[in-house]
Amino acid sequence: MVVCEVYCYLGLQVQRFNDCMKINQTAYVKRVLARYHMTDAKPISLPIEPEWISSNSPPSTDTDTYREIIASLTYLTLGSRPYLAYAVNVVSRAQDSPTEAHLKLNKRFLHYLRGTINDGK
């Protein structure tokens, strides 16, 4: 395949090939990782695990960060990563009263993004 053109619009990078197009948000993911000091985070292969919340977890004192990460992840699901929509929906349910376990799970998403920084559709 030969790359014909590359465009960037609202954080979406669109590469047009002779027979297809690829959309990713690599630059946006890099900004999100930098914002939360996760640029050197250890990459992981799954964004969420089946048993992910501890029922004995104390309430989080950092609800603003929790909501900001959810917003960043939601934008990714709309742009280039629809496969993350279910997992983001699961963690977004706790926006009113997140626990430390919820915040830890959000940071797990950032580790996942670090490992899949160039993914797209």
PDB file of N, CA and C in Angstrom:
ATOM      1  N   MET A   1       0.829  -1.182   0.000  1.00  0.00           N
ATOM      2  CA  MET A   1       0.000   0.000   0.000  1.00  0.00           C
ATOM      3  C   MET A   1       0.875   1.249   0.000  1.00  0.00           C
ATOM      4  N   VAL A   2       0.419   2.246  -0.682  1.00  0.00           N
ATOM      5  CA  VAL A   2       1.119   3.522  -0.741  1.00  0.00           C
ATOM      6  C   VAL A   2       0.261   4.563  -0.050  1.00  0.00           C
ATOM      7  N   VAL A   3       0.877   5.286   0.876  1.00  0.00           N
ATOM      8  CA  VAL A   3       0.147   6.344   1.571  1.00  0.00           C
ATOM      9  C   VAL A   3       0.018   7.530   0.640  1.00  0.00           C
ATOM     10  N   CYS A   4      -1.215   7.980   0.461  1.00  0.00           N
ATOM     11  CA  CYS A   4      -1.449   9.121  -0.418  1.00  0.00           C
ATOM     12  C   CYS A   4      -1.460  10.438   0.353  1.00  0.00           C
ATOM     13  N   GLU A   5      -2.220  10.482   1.423  1.00  0.00           N
ATOM     14  CA  GLU A   5      -2.380  11.725   2.170  1.00  0.00           C
ATOM     15  C   GLU A   5      -2.566  11.415   3.652  1.00  0.00           C
ATOM     16  N   VAL A   6      -2.199  12.364   4.493  1.00  0.00           N
ATOM     17  CA  VAL A   6      -2.451  12.247   5.926  1.00  0.00           C
ATOM     18  C   VAL A   6      -3.120  13.539   6.380  1.00  0.00           C
ATOM     19  N   TYR A   7      -4.225  13.399   7.109  1.00  0.00           N
ATOM     20  CA  TYR A   7      -4.937  14.549   7.649  1.00  0.00           C
ATOM     21  C   TYR A   7      -5.088  14.379   9.155  1.00  0.00           C
ATOM     22  N   CYS A   8      -5.162  15.494   9.838  1.00  0.00           N
ATOM     23  CA  CYS A   8      -5.429  15.472  11.274  1.00  0.00           C
ATOM     24  C   CYS A   8      -6.535  16.477  11.549  1.00  0.00           C
ATOM     25  N   TYR A   9      -7.585  15.997  12.227  1.00  0.00           N
ATOM     26  CA  TYR A   9      -8.712  16.862  12.513  1.00  0.00           C
ATOM     27  C   TYR A   9      -9.316  16.454  13.855  1.00  0.00           C
ATOM     28  N   LEU A  10      -9.383  17.386  14.786  1.00  0.00           N
ATOM     29  CA  LEU A  10      -9.946  17.141  16.118  1.00  0.00           C
ATOM     30  C   LEU A  10      -9.329  15.925  16.801  1.00  0.00           C
ATOM     31  N   GLY A  11      -8.026  15.764  16.636  1.00  0.00           N
ATOM     32  CA  GLY A  11      -7.338  14.653  17.278  1.00  0.00           C
ATOM     33  C   GLY A  11      -7.392  13.347  16.515  1.00  0.00           C
ATOM     34  N   LEU A  12      -8.070  13.316  15.387  1.00  0.00           N
ATOM     35  CA  LEU A  12      -8.130  12.110  14.558  1.00  0.00           C
ATOM     36  C   LEU A  12      -7.121  12.234  13.425  1.00  0.00           C
ATOM     37  N   GLN A  13      -6.283  11.228  13.283  1.00  0.00           N
ATOM     38  CA  GLN A  13      -5.377  11.186  12.144  1.00  0.00           C
ATOM     39  C   GLN A  13      -5.964  10.240  11.117  1.00  0.00           C
ATOM     40  N   VAL A  14      -6.131  10.726   9.913  1.00  0.00           N
ATOM     41  CA  VAL A  14      -6.713   9.932   8.837  1.00  0.00           C
ATOM     42  C   VAL A  14      -5.645   9.724   7.781  1.00  0.00           C
ATOM     43  N   GLN A  15      -5.331   8.462   7.531  1.00  0.00           N
ATOM     44  CA  GLN A  15      -4.379   8.112   6.480  1.00  0.00           C
ATOM     45  C   GLN A  15      -5.163   7.489   5.341  1.00  0.00           C
ATOM     46  N   ARG A  16      -5.005   8.041   4.164  1.00  0.00           N
ATOM     47  CA  ARG A  16      -5.689   7.506   2.991  1.00  0.00           C
ATOM     48  C   ARG A  16      -4.694   6.700   2.173  1.00  0.00           C
ATOM     49  N   PHE A  17      -5.047   5.463   1.919  1.00  0.00           N
ATOM     50  CA  PHE A  17      -4.257   4.587   1.082  1.00  0.00           C
ATOM     51  C   PHE A  17      -4.973   4.444  -0.262  1.00  0.00           C
ATOM     52  N   ASN A  18      -4.359   3.749  -1.190  1.00  0.00           N
ATOM     53  CA  ASN A  18      -4.992   3.561  -2.499  1.00  0.00           C
ATOM     54  C   ASN A  18      -6.330   2.837  -2.384  1.00  0.00           C
ATOM     55  N   ASP A  19      -6.427   1.862  -1.485  1.00  0.00           N
ATOM     56  CA  ASP A  19      -7.639   1.050  -1.414  1.00  0.00           C
ATOM     57  C   ASP A  19      -8.366   1.101  -0.068  1.00  0.00           C
ATOM     58  N   CYS A  20      -7.901   1.922   0.874  1.00  0.00           N
ATOM     59  CA  CYS A  20      -8.562   1.990   2.181  1.00  0.00           C
ATOM     60  C   CYS A  20      -8.132   3.246   2.931  1.00  0.00           C
ATOM     61  N   MET A  21      -8.721   3.402   4.107  1.00  0.00           N
ATOM     62  CA  MET A  21      -8.353   4.499   5.001  1.00  0.00           C
ATOM     63  C   MET A  21      -8.113   3.936   6.391  1.00  0.00           C
ATOM     64  N   LYS A  22      -7.246   4.592   7.161  1.00  0.00           N
ATOM     65  CA  LYS A  22      -7.016   4.202   8.541  1.00  0.00           C
ATOM     66  C   LYS A  22      -7.174   5.446   9.411  1.00  0.00           C
ATOM     67  N   ILE A  23      -7.926   5.277  10.508  1.00  0.00           N
ATOM     68  CA  ILE A  23      -8.139   6.368  11.456  1.00  0.00           C
ATOM     69  C   ILE A  23      -7.538   5.955  12.785  1.00  0.00           C
ATOM     70  N   ASN A  24      -6.715   6.832  13.367  1.00  0.00           N
ATOM     71  CA  ASN A  24      -6.215   6.583  14.712  1.00  0.00           C
ATOM     72  C   ASN A  24      -6.136   7.903  15.466  1.00  0.00           C
ATOM     73  N   GLN A  25      -5.845   7.802  16.737  1.00  0.00           N
ATOM     74  CA  GLN A  25      -5.744   8.978  17.595  1.00  0.00           C
ATOM     75  C   GLN A  25      -4.443   8.930  18.397  1.00  0.00           C
ATOM     76  N   THR A  26      -3.369   8.598  17.731  1.00  0.00           N
ATOM     77  CA  THR A  26      -2.079   8.442  18.392  1.00  0.00           C
ATOM     78  C   THR A  26      -1.667   9.713  19.134  1.00  0.00           C
ATOM     79  N   ALA A  27      -1.767  10.870  18.493  1.00  0.00           N
ATOM     80  CA  ALA A  27      -1.359  12.121  19.135  1.00  0.00           C
ATOM     81  C   ALA A  27      -2.231  12.416  20.361  1.00  0.00           C
ATOM     82  N   TYR A  28      -3.527  12.142  20.262  1.00  0.00           N
ATOM     83  CA  TYR A  28      -4.434  12.362  21.388  1.00  0.00           C
ATOM     84  C   TYR A  28      -4.093  11.440  22.553  1.00  0.00           C
ATOM     85  N   VAL A  29      -3.833  10.168  22.255  1.00  0.00           N
ATOM     86  CA  VAL A  29      -3.467   9.213  23.310  1.00  0.00           C
ATOM     87  C   VAL A  29      -2.177   9.660  23.993  1.00  0.00           C
ATOM     88  N   LYS A  30      -1.223  10.139  23.227  1.00  0.00           N
ATOM     89  CA  LYS A  30       0.037  10.625  23.821  1.00  0.00           C
ATOM     90  C   LYS A  30      -0.217  11.799  24.755  1.00  0.00           C
ATOM     91  N   ARG A  31      -1.124  12.709  24.364  1.00  0.00           N
ATOM     92  CA  ARG A  31      -1.451  13.849  25.239  1.00  0.00           C
ATOM     93  C   ARG A  31      -2.137  13.388  26.519  1.00  0.00           C
ATOM     94  N   VAL A  32      -3.048  12.422  26.404  1.00  0.00           N
ATOM     95  CA  VAL A  32      -3.749  11.900  27.586  1.00  0.00           C
ATOM     96  C   VAL A  32      -2.743  11.240  28.527  1.00  0.00           C
ATOM     97  N   LEU A  33      -1.852  10.426  27.989  1.00  0.00           N
ATOM     98  CA  LEU A  33      -0.848   9.761  28.827  1.00  0.00           C
ATOM     99  C   LEU A  33       0.064  10.784  29.503  1.00  0.00           C
ATOM    100  N   ALA A  34       0.450  11.821  28.784  1.00  0.00           N
ATOM    101  CA  ALA A  34       1.312  12.857  29.369  1.00  0.00           C
ATOM    102  C   ALA A  34       0.570  13.620  30.470  1.00  0.00           C
ATOM    103  N   ARG A  35      -0.709  13.888  30.251  1.00  0.00           N
ATOM    104  CA  ARG A  35      -1.494  14.637  31.241  1.00  0.00           C
ATOM    105  C   ARG A  35      -1.541  13.934  32.590  1.00  0.00           C
ATOM    106  N   TYR A  36      -1.605  12.604  32.569  1.00  0.00           N
ATOM    107  CA  TYR A  36      -1.695  11.826  33.808  1.00  0.00           C
ATOM    108  C   TYR A  36      -0.371  11.151  34.170  1.00  0.00           C
ATOM    109  N   HIS A  37       0.722  11.651  33.603  1.00  0.00           N
ATOM    110  CA  HIS A  37       2.080  11.186  33.918  1.00  0.00           C
ATOM    111  C   HIS A  37       2.222   9.674  33.720  1.00  0.00           C
ATOM    112  N   MET A  38       1.700   9.172  32.596  1.00  0.00           N
ATOM    113  CA  MET A  38       1.727   7.745  32.324  1.00  0.00           C
ATOM    114  C   MET A  38       2.471   7.429  31.021  1.00  0.00           C
ATOM    115  N   THR A  39       3.296   8.351  30.534  1.00  0.00           N
ATOM    116  CA  THR A  39       3.990   8.120  29.262  1.00  0.00           C
ATOM    117  C   THR A  39       4.963   6.948  29.337  1.00  0.00           C
ATOM    118  N   ASP A  40       5.475   6.649  30.517  1.00  0.00           N
ATOM    119  CA  ASP A  40       6.396   5.527  30.682  1.00  0.00           C
ATOM    120  C   ASP A  40       5.741   4.345  31.394  1.00  0.00           C
ATOM    121  N   ALA A  41       4.418   4.317  31.403  1.00  0.00           N
ATOM    122  CA  ALA A  41       3.697   3.248  32.088  1.00  0.00           C
ATOM    123  C   ALA A  41       3.962   1.904  31.415  1.00  0.00           C
ATOM    124  N   LYS A  42       3.917   0.867  32.224  1.00  0.00           N
ATOM    125  CA  LYS A  42       4.094  -0.482  31.695  1.00  0.00           C
ATOM    126  C   LYS A  42       2.847  -0.861  30.887  1.00  0.00           C
ATOM    127  N   PRO A  43       3.019  -1.232  29.613  1.00  0.00           N
ATOM    128  CA  PRO A  43       1.853  -1.598  28.799  1.00  0.00           C
ATOM    129  C   PRO A  43       1.232  -2.917  29.247  1.00  0.00           C
ATOM    130  N   ILE A  44      -0.087  -3.022  29.113  1.00  0.00           N
ATOM    131  CA  ILE A  44      -0.803  -4.265  29.395  1.00  0.00           C
ATOM    132  C   ILE A  44      -1.697  -4.597  28.206  1.00  0.00           C
ATOM    133  N   SER A  45      -2.171  -5.843  28.148  1.00  0.00           N
ATOM    134  CA  SER A  45      -2.904  -6.287  26.965  1.00  0.00           C
ATOM    135  C   SER A  45      -4.421  -6.234  27.089  1.00  0.00           C
ATOM    136  N   LEU A  46      -4.975  -6.119  28.295  1.00  0.00           N
ATOM    137  CA  LEU A  46      -6.429  -6.058  28.474  1.00  0.00           C
ATOM    138  C   LEU A  46      -6.815  -4.801  29.243  1.00  0.00           C
ATOM    139  N   PRO A  47      -7.822  -4.064  28.775  1.00  0.00           N
ATOM    140  CA  PRO A  47      -8.218  -2.850  29.488  1.00  0.00           C
ATOM    141  C   PRO A  47      -8.983  -3.117  30.782  1.00  0.00           C
ATOM    142  N   ILE A  48      -9.646  -4.275  30.877  1.00  0.00           N
ATOM    143  CA  ILE A  48     -10.459  -4.579  32.048  1.00  0.00           C
ATOM    144  C   ILE A  48     -10.435  -6.090  32.263  1.00  0.00           C
ATOM    145  N   GLU A  49     -10.507  -6.508  33.511  1.00  0.00           N
ATOM    146  CA  GLU A  49     -10.547  -7.936  33.833  1.00  0.00           C
ATOM    147  C   GLU A  49     -11.914  -8.267  34.428  1.00  0.00           C
ATOM    148  N   PRO A  50     -12.317  -9.540  34.359  1.00  0.00           N
ATOM    149  CA  PRO A  50     -13.649  -9.909  34.856  1.00  0.00           C
ATOM    150  C   PRO A  50     -13.895  -9.523  36.319  1.00  0.00           C
ATOM    151  N   GLU A  51     -12.956  -9.752  37.191  1.00  0.00           N
ATOM    152  CA  GLU A  51     -13.097  -9.390  38.609  1.00  0.00           C
ATOM    153  C   GLU A  51     -12.267  -8.147  38.860  1.00  0.00           C
ATOM    154  N   TRP A  52     -12.860  -6.982  38.721  1.00  0.00           N
ATOM    155  CA  TRP A  52     -12.070  -5.775  38.745  1.00  0.00           C
ATOM    156  C   TRP A  52     -12.326  -4.844  39.915  1.00  0.00           C
ATOM    157  N   ILE A  53     -13.397  -5.008  40.666  1.00  0.00           N
ATOM    158  CA  ILE A  53     -13.693  -4.093  41.769  1.00  0.00           C
ATOM    159  C   ILE A  53     -13.715  -4.835  43.097  1.00  0.00           C
ATOM    160  N   SER A  54     -13.026  -4.266  44.053  1.00  0.00           N
ATOM    161  CA  SER A  54     -13.067  -4.795  45.403  1.00  0.00           C
ATOM    162  C   SER A  54     -14.210  -4.122  46.157  1.00  0.00           C
ATOM    163  N   SER A  55     -15.055  -4.896  46.780  1.00  0.00           N
ATOM    164  CA  SER A  55     -16.194  -4.317  47.497  1.00  0.00           C
ATOM    165  C   SER A  55     -15.764  -3.589  48.776  1.00  0.00           C
ATOM    166  N   ASN A  56     -14.548  -3.813  49.221  1.00  0.00           N
ATOM    167  CA  ASN A  56     -14.061  -3.184  50.449  1.00  0.00           C
ATOM    168  C   ASN A  56     -13.189  -1.971  50.178  1.00  0.00           C
ATOM    169  N   SER A  57     -13.233  -1.461  48.979  1.00  0.00           N
ATOM    170  CA  SER A  57     -12.382  -0.337  48.611  1.00  0.00           C
ATOM    171  C   SER A  57     -12.910   0.967  49.206  1.00  0.00           C
ATOM    172  N   PRO A  58     -12.015   1.804  49.747  1.00  0.00           N
ATOM    173  CA  PRO A  58     -12.468   3.084  50.316  1.00  0.00           C
ATOM    174  C   PRO A  58     -12.866   4.068  49.215  1.00  0.00           C
ATOM    175  N   PRO A  59     -13.700   5.042  49.540  1.00  0.00           N
ATOM    176  CA  PRO A  59     -14.090   6.050  48.552  1.00  0.00           C
ATOM    177  C   PRO A  59     -12.873   6.833  48.066  1.00  0.00           C
ATOM    178  N   SER A  60     -12.898   7.214  46.797  1.00  0.00           N
ATOM    179  CA  SER A  60     -11.807   7.991  46.219  1.00  0.00           C
ATOM    180  C   SER A  60     -11.963   9.458  46.590  1.00  0.00           C
ATOM    181  N   THR A  61     -10.858  10.107  46.852  1.00  0.00           N
ATOM    182  CA  THR A  61     -10.888  11.537  47.135  1.00  0.00           C
ATOM    183  C   THR A  61     -10.608  12.342  45.872  1.00  0.00           C
ATOM    184  N   ASP A  62     -10.282  11.664  44.777  1.00  0.00           N
ATOM    185  CA  ASP A  62      -9.915  12.338  43.537  1.00  0.00           C
ATOM    186  C   ASP A  62     -10.965  12.094  42.455  1.00  0.00           C
ATOM    187  N   THR A  63     -12.194  12.524  42.699  1.00  0.00           N
ATOM    188  CA  THR A  63     -13.282  12.279  41.746  1.00  0.00           C
ATOM    189  C   THR A  63     -13.103  13.081  40.459  1.00  0.00           C
ATOM    190  N   ASP A  64     -12.472  14.244  40.532  1.00  0.00           N
ATOM    191  CA  ASP A  64     -12.269  15.054  39.329  1.00  0.00           C
ATOM    192  C   ASP A  64     -11.370  14.336  38.336  1.00  0.00           C
ATOM    193  N   THR A  65     -10.271  13.779  38.816  1.00  0.00           N
ATOM    194  CA  THR A  65      -9.377  13.027  37.934  1.00  0.00           C
ATOM    195  C   THR A  65     -10.098  11.826  37.340  1.00  0.00           C
ATOM    196  N   TYR A  66     -10.885  11.154  38.147  1.00  0.00           N
ATOM    197  CA  TYR A  66     -11.646  10.000  37.671  1.00  0.00           C
ATOM    198  C   TYR A  66     -12.549  10.400  36.503  1.00  0.00           C
ATOM    199  N   ARG A  67     -13.266  11.495  36.655  1.00  0.00           N
ATOM    200  CA  ARG A  67     -14.181  11.954  35.609  1.00  0.00           C
ATOM    201  C   ARG A  67     -13.426  12.428  34.371  1.00  0.00           C
ATOM    202  N   GLU A  68     -12.277  13.065  34.561  1.00  0.00           N
ATOM    203  CA  GLU A  68     -11.488  13.519  33.417  1.00  0.00           C
ATOM    204  C   GLU A  68     -10.975  12.340  32.594  1.00  0.00           C
ATOM    205  N   ILE A  69     -10.526  11.291  33.270  1.00  0.00           N
ATOM    206  CA  ILE A  69     -10.049  10.108  32.552  1.00  0.00           C
ATOM    207  C   ILE A  69     -11.204   9.466  31.793  1.00  0.00           C
ATOM    208  N   ILE A  70     -12.386   9.381  32.420  1.00  0.00           N
ATOM    209  CA  ILE A  70     -13.564   8.822  31.751  1.00  0.00           C
ATOM    210  C   ILE A  70     -13.889   9.627  30.490  1.00  0.00           C
ATOM    211  N   ALA A  71     -13.830  10.947  30.586  1.00  0.00           N
ATOM    212  CA  ALA A  71     -14.119  11.784  29.423  1.00  0.00           C
ATOM    213  C   ALA A  71     -13.116  11.532  28.296  1.00  0.00           C
ATOM    214  N   SER A  72     -11.845  11.407  28.640  1.00  0.00           N
ATOM    215  CA  SER A  72     -10.817  11.124  27.634  1.00  0.00           C
ATOM    216  C   SER A  72     -11.045   9.770  26.974  1.00  0.00           C
ATOM    217  N   LEU A  73     -11.390   8.775  27.767  1.00  0.00           N
ATOM    218  CA  LEU A  73     -11.644   7.438  27.226  1.00  0.00           C
ATOM    219  C   LEU A  73     -12.896   7.429  26.354  1.00  0.00           C
ATOM    220  N   THR A  74     -13.914   8.175  26.750  1.00  0.00           N
ATOM    221  CA  THR A  74     -15.141   8.246  25.958  1.00  0.00           C
ATOM    222  C   THR A  74     -14.857   8.841  24.587  1.00  0.00           C
ATOM    223  N   TYR A  75     -14.034   9.880  24.538  1.00  0.00           N
ATOM    224  CA  TYR A  75     -13.687  10.484  23.254  1.00  0.00           C
ATOM    225  C   TYR A  75     -12.975   9.471  22.354  1.00  0.00           C
ATOM    226  N   LEU A  76     -12.127   8.651  22.941  1.00  0.00           N
ATOM    227  CA  LEU A  76     -11.456   7.615  22.151  1.00  0.00           C
ATOM    228  C   LEU A  76     -12.447   6.609  21.581  1.00  0.00           C
ATOM    229  N   THR A  77     -13.469   6.240  22.353  1.00  0.00           N
ATOM    230  CA  THR A  77     -14.452   5.264  21.856  1.00  0.00           C
ATOM    231  C   THR A  77     -15.256   5.841  20.704  1.00  0.00           C
ATOM    232  N   LEU A  78     -15.462   7.140  20.701  1.00  0.00           N
ATOM    233  CA  LEU A  78     -16.220   7.773  19.623  1.00  0.00           C
ATOM    234  C   LEU A  78     -15.382   7.933  18.362  1.00  0.00           C
ATOM    235  N   GLY A  79     -14.080   8.133  18.540  1.00  0.00           N
ATOM    236  CA  GLY A  79     -13.231   8.415  17.389  1.00  0.00           C
ATOM    237  C   GLY A  79     -12.640   7.206  16.705  1.00  0.00           C
ATOM    238  N   SER A  80     -11.873   6.422  17.438  1.00  0.00           N
ATOM    239  CA  SER A  80     -11.145   5.346  16.760  1.00  0.00           C
ATOM    240  C   SER A  80     -11.132   4.020  17.499  1.00  0.00           C
ATOM    241  N   ARG A  81     -11.739   3.958  18.671  1.00  0.00           N
ATOM    242  CA  ARG A  81     -11.685   2.713  19.443  1.00  0.00           C
ATOM    243  C   ARG A  81     -13.049   2.308  19.989  1.00  0.00           C
ATOM    244  N   PRO A  82     -13.982   1.989  19.101  1.00  0.00           N
ATOM    245  CA  PRO A  82     -15.314   1.607  19.575  1.00  0.00           C
ATOM    246  C   PRO A  82     -15.312   0.329  20.407  1.00  0.00           C
ATOM    247  N   TYR A  83     -14.295  -0.509  20.260  1.00  0.00           N
ATOM    248  CA  TYR A  83     -14.220  -1.755  21.026  1.00  0.00           C
ATOM    249  C   TYR A  83     -14.016  -1.513  22.518  1.00  0.00           C
ATOM    250  N   LEU A  84     -13.671  -0.305  22.907  1.00  0.00           N
ATOM    251  CA  LEU A  84     -13.507   0.020  24.324  1.00  0.00           C
ATOM    252  C   LEU A  84     -14.804   0.523  24.962  1.00  0.00           C
ATOM    253  N   ALA A  85     -15.846   0.682  24.174  1.00  0.00           N
ATOM    254  CA  ALA A  85     -17.077   1.309  24.667  1.00  0.00           C
ATOM    255  C   ALA A  85     -17.678   0.578  25.864  1.00  0.00           C
ATOM    256  N   TYR A  86     -17.724  -0.742  25.812  1.00  0.00           N
ATOM    257  CA  TYR A  86     -18.329  -1.483  26.932  1.00  0.00           C
ATOM    258  C   TYR A  86     -17.538  -1.261  28.218  1.00  0.00           C
ATOM    259  N   ALA A  87     -16.233  -1.413  28.156  1.00  0.00           N
ATOM    260  CA  ALA A  87     -15.403  -1.268  29.354  1.00  0.00           C
ATOM    261  C   ALA A  87     -15.483   0.154  29.908  1.00  0.00           C
ATOM    262  N   VAL A  88     -15.497   1.150  29.039  1.00  0.00           N
ATOM    263  CA  VAL A  88     -15.619   2.539  29.499  1.00  0.00           C
ATOM    264  C   VAL A  88     -16.989   2.762  30.122  1.00  0.00           C
ATOM    265  N   ASN A  89     -18.024   2.165  29.547  1.00  0.00           N
ATOM    266  CA  ASN A  89     -19.356   2.273  30.115  1.00  0.00           C
ATOM    267  C   ASN A  89     -19.396   1.686  31.525  1.00  0.00           C
ATOM    268  N   VAL A  90     -18.740   0.563  31.718  1.00  0.00           N
ATOM    269  CA  VAL A  90     -18.721  -0.091  33.036  1.00  0.00           C
ATOM    270  C   VAL A  90     -18.112   0.843  34.080  1.00  0.00           C
ATOM    271  N   VAL A  91     -16.971   1.434  33.783  1.00  0.00           N
ATOM    272  CA  VAL A  91     -16.323   2.297  34.783  1.00  0.00           C
ATOM    273  C   VAL A  91     -17.004   3.653  34.913  1.00  0.00           C
ATOM    274  N   SER A  92     -17.705   4.096  33.884  1.00  0.00           N
ATOM    275  CA  SER A  92     -18.359   5.404  33.981  1.00  0.00           C
ATOM    276  C   SER A  92     -19.590   5.375  34.884  1.00  0.00           C
ATOM    277  N   ARG A  93     -20.083   4.208  35.190  1.00  0.00           N
ATOM    278  CA  ARG A  93     -21.250   4.096  36.082  1.00  0.00           C
ATOM    279  C   ARG A  93     -20.959   4.593  37.495  1.00  0.00           C
ATOM    280  N   ALA A  94     -19.717   4.646  37.860  1.00  0.00           N
ATOM    281  CA  ALA A  94     -19.354   5.032  39.231  1.00  0.00           C
ATOM    282  C   ALA A  94     -18.891   6.480  39.336  1.00  0.00           C
ATOM    283  N   GLN A  95     -19.258   7.324  38.392  1.00  0.00           N
ATOM    284  CA  GLN A  95     -18.776   8.704  38.407  1.00  0.00           C
ATOM    285  C   GLN A  95     -19.252   9.500  39.612  1.00  0.00           C
ATOM    286  N   ASP A  96     -20.405   9.159  40.156  1.00  0.00           N
ATOM    287  CA  ASP A  96     -20.919   9.894  41.312  1.00  0.00           C
ATOM    288  C   ASP A  96     -20.158   9.580  42.592  1.00  0.00           C
ATOM    289  N   SER A  97     -19.766   8.331  42.750  1.00  0.00           N
ATOM    290  CA  SER A  97     -19.069   7.946  43.985  1.00  0.00           C
ATOM    291  C   SER A  97     -18.017   6.870  43.693  1.00  0.00           C
ATOM    292  N   PRO A  98     -16.955   7.253  42.982  1.00  0.00           N
ATOM    293  CA  PRO A  98     -15.918   6.264  42.680  1.00  0.00           C
ATOM    294  C   PRO A  98     -15.126   5.880  43.930  1.00  0.00           C
ATOM    295  N   THR A  99     -14.649   4.658  43.930  1.00  0.00           N
ATOM    296  CA  THR A  99     -13.783   4.183  45.008  1.00  0.00           C
ATOM    297  C   THR A  99     -12.342   4.194  44.509  1.00  0.00           C
ATOM    298  N   GLU A 100     -11.429   3.903  45.404  1.00  0.00           N
ATOM    299  CA  GLU A 100     -10.019   3.808  45.014  1.00  0.00           C
ATOM    300  C   GLU A 100      -9.824   2.700  43.970  1.00  0.00           C
ATOM    301  N   ALA A 101     -10.633   1.638  44.063  1.00  0.00           N
ATOM    302  CA  ALA A 101     -10.550   0.556  43.080  1.00  0.00           C
ATOM    303  C   ALA A 101     -10.976   1.039  41.696  1.00  0.00           C
ATOM    304  N   HIS A 102     -11.987   1.903  41.633  1.00  0.00           N
ATOM    305  CA  HIS A 102     -12.400   2.473  40.355  1.00  0.00           C
ATOM    306  C   HIS A 102     -11.281   3.323  39.757  1.00  0.00           C
ATOM    307  N   LEU A 103     -10.664   4.154  40.580  1.00  0.00           N
ATOM    308  CA  LEU A 103      -9.563   4.995  40.105  1.00  0.00           C
ATOM    309  C   LEU A 103      -8.401   4.133  39.621  1.00  0.00           C
ATOM    310  N   LYS A 104      -8.129   3.061  40.338  1.00  0.00           N
ATOM    311  CA  LYS A 104      -7.069   2.134  39.926  1.00  0.00           C
ATOM    312  C   LYS A 104      -7.405   1.516  38.563  1.00  0.00           C
ATOM    313  N   LEU A 105      -8.675   1.195  38.347  1.00  0.00           N
ATOM    314  CA  LEU A 105      -9.095   0.634  37.067  1.00  0.00           C
ATOM    315  C   LEU A 105      -8.932   1.654  35.948  1.00  0.00           C
ATOM    316  N   ASN A 106      -9.253   2.907  36.207  1.00  0.00           N
ATOM    317  CA  ASN A 106      -9.040   3.946  35.200  1.00  0.00           C
ATOM    318  C   ASN A 106      -7.567   4.039  34.828  1.00  0.00           C
ATOM    319  N   LYS A 107      -6.708   3.938  35.812  1.00  0.00           N
ATOM    320  CA  LYS A 107      -5.270   3.986  35.513  1.00  0.00           C
ATOM    321  C   LYS A 107      -4.842   2.749  34.739  1.00  0.00           C
ATOM    322  N   ARG A 108      -5.542   1.630  34.963  1.00  0.00           N
ATOM    323  CA  ARG A 108      -5.272   0.424  34.167  1.00  0.00           C
ATOM    324  C   ARG A 108      -5.562   0.702  32.691  1.00  0.00           C
ATOM    325  N   PHE A 109      -6.637   1.443  32.411  1.00  0.00           N
ATOM    326  CA  PHE A 109      -6.944   1.828  31.043  1.00  0.00           C
ATOM    327  C   PHE A 109      -5.773   2.597  30.427  1.00  0.00           C
ATOM    328  N   LEU A 110      -5.173   3.482  31.210  1.00  0.00           N
ATOM    329  CA  LEU A 110      -4.046   4.255  30.693  1.00  0.00           C
ATOM    330  C   LEU A 110      -2.861   3.347  30.381  1.00  0.00           C
ATOM    331  N   HIS A 111      -2.645   2.324  31.205  1.00  0.00           N
ATOM    332  CA  HIS A 111      -1.597   1.336  30.904  1.00  0.00           C
ATOM    333  C   HIS A 111      -1.929   0.614  29.588  1.00  0.00           C
ATOM    334  N   TYR A 112      -3.199   0.290  29.412  1.00  0.00           N
ATOM    335  CA  TYR A 112      -3.625  -0.368  28.176  1.00  0.00           C
ATOM    336  C   TYR A 112      -3.385   0.547  26.971  1.00  0.00           C
ATOM    337  N   LEU A 113      -3.734   1.829  27.104  1.00  0.00           N
ATOM    338  CA  LEU A 113      -3.512   2.774  26.005  1.00  0.00           C
ATOM    339  C   LEU A 113      -2.036   2.893  25.668  1.00  0.00           C
ATOM    340  N   ARG A 114      -1.205   2.818  26.684  1.00  0.00           N
ATOM    341  CA  ARG A 114       0.250   2.883  26.455  1.00  0.00           C
ATOM    342  C   ARG A 114       0.701   1.734  25.568  1.00  0.00           C
ATOM    343  N   GLY A 115       0.113   0.579  25.733  1.00  0.00           N
ATOM    344  CA  GLY A 115       0.491  -0.583  24.935  1.00  0.00           C
ATOM    345  C   GLY A 115      -0.157  -0.619  23.562  1.00  0.00           C
ATOM    346  N   THR A 116      -1.209   0.177  23.361  1.00  0.00           N
ATOM    347  CA  THR A 116      -1.932   0.157  22.082  1.00  0.00           C
ATOM    348  C   THR A 116      -1.995   1.547  21.485  1.00  0.00           C
ATOM    349  N   ILE A 117      -0.943   2.304  21.646  1.00  0.00           N
ATOM    350  CA  ILE A 117      -0.936   3.709  21.287  1.00  0.00           C
ATOM    351  C   ILE A 117      -1.237   3.975  19.807  1.00  0.00           C
ATOM    352  N   ASN A 118      -0.874   3.073  18.930  1.00  0.00           N
ATOM    353  CA  ASN A 118      -1.074   3.281  17.495  1.00  0.00           C
ATOM    354  C   ASN A 118      -2.298   2.565  16.941  1.00  0.00           C
ATOM    355  N   ASP A 119      -3.110   1.966  17.792  1.00  0.00           N
ATOM    356  CA  ASP A 119      -4.301   1.266  17.299  1.00  0.00           C
ATOM    357  C   ASP A 119      -5.306   2.236  16.715  1.00  0.00           C
ATOM    358  N   GLY A 120      -6.110   1.724  15.845  1.00  0.00           N
ATOM    359  CA  GLY A 120      -7.161   2.526  15.226  1.00  0.00           C
ATOM    360  C   GLY A 120      -8.079   1.628  14.443  1.00  0.00           C
ATOM    361  N   LYS A 121      -8.840   2.231  13.558  1.00  0.00           N
ATOM    362  CA  LYS A 121      -9.717   1.430  12.711  1.00  0.00           C
ATOM    363  C   LYS A 121      -9.575   1.825  11.280  1.00  0.00           C
TER     364      LYS A 121
END
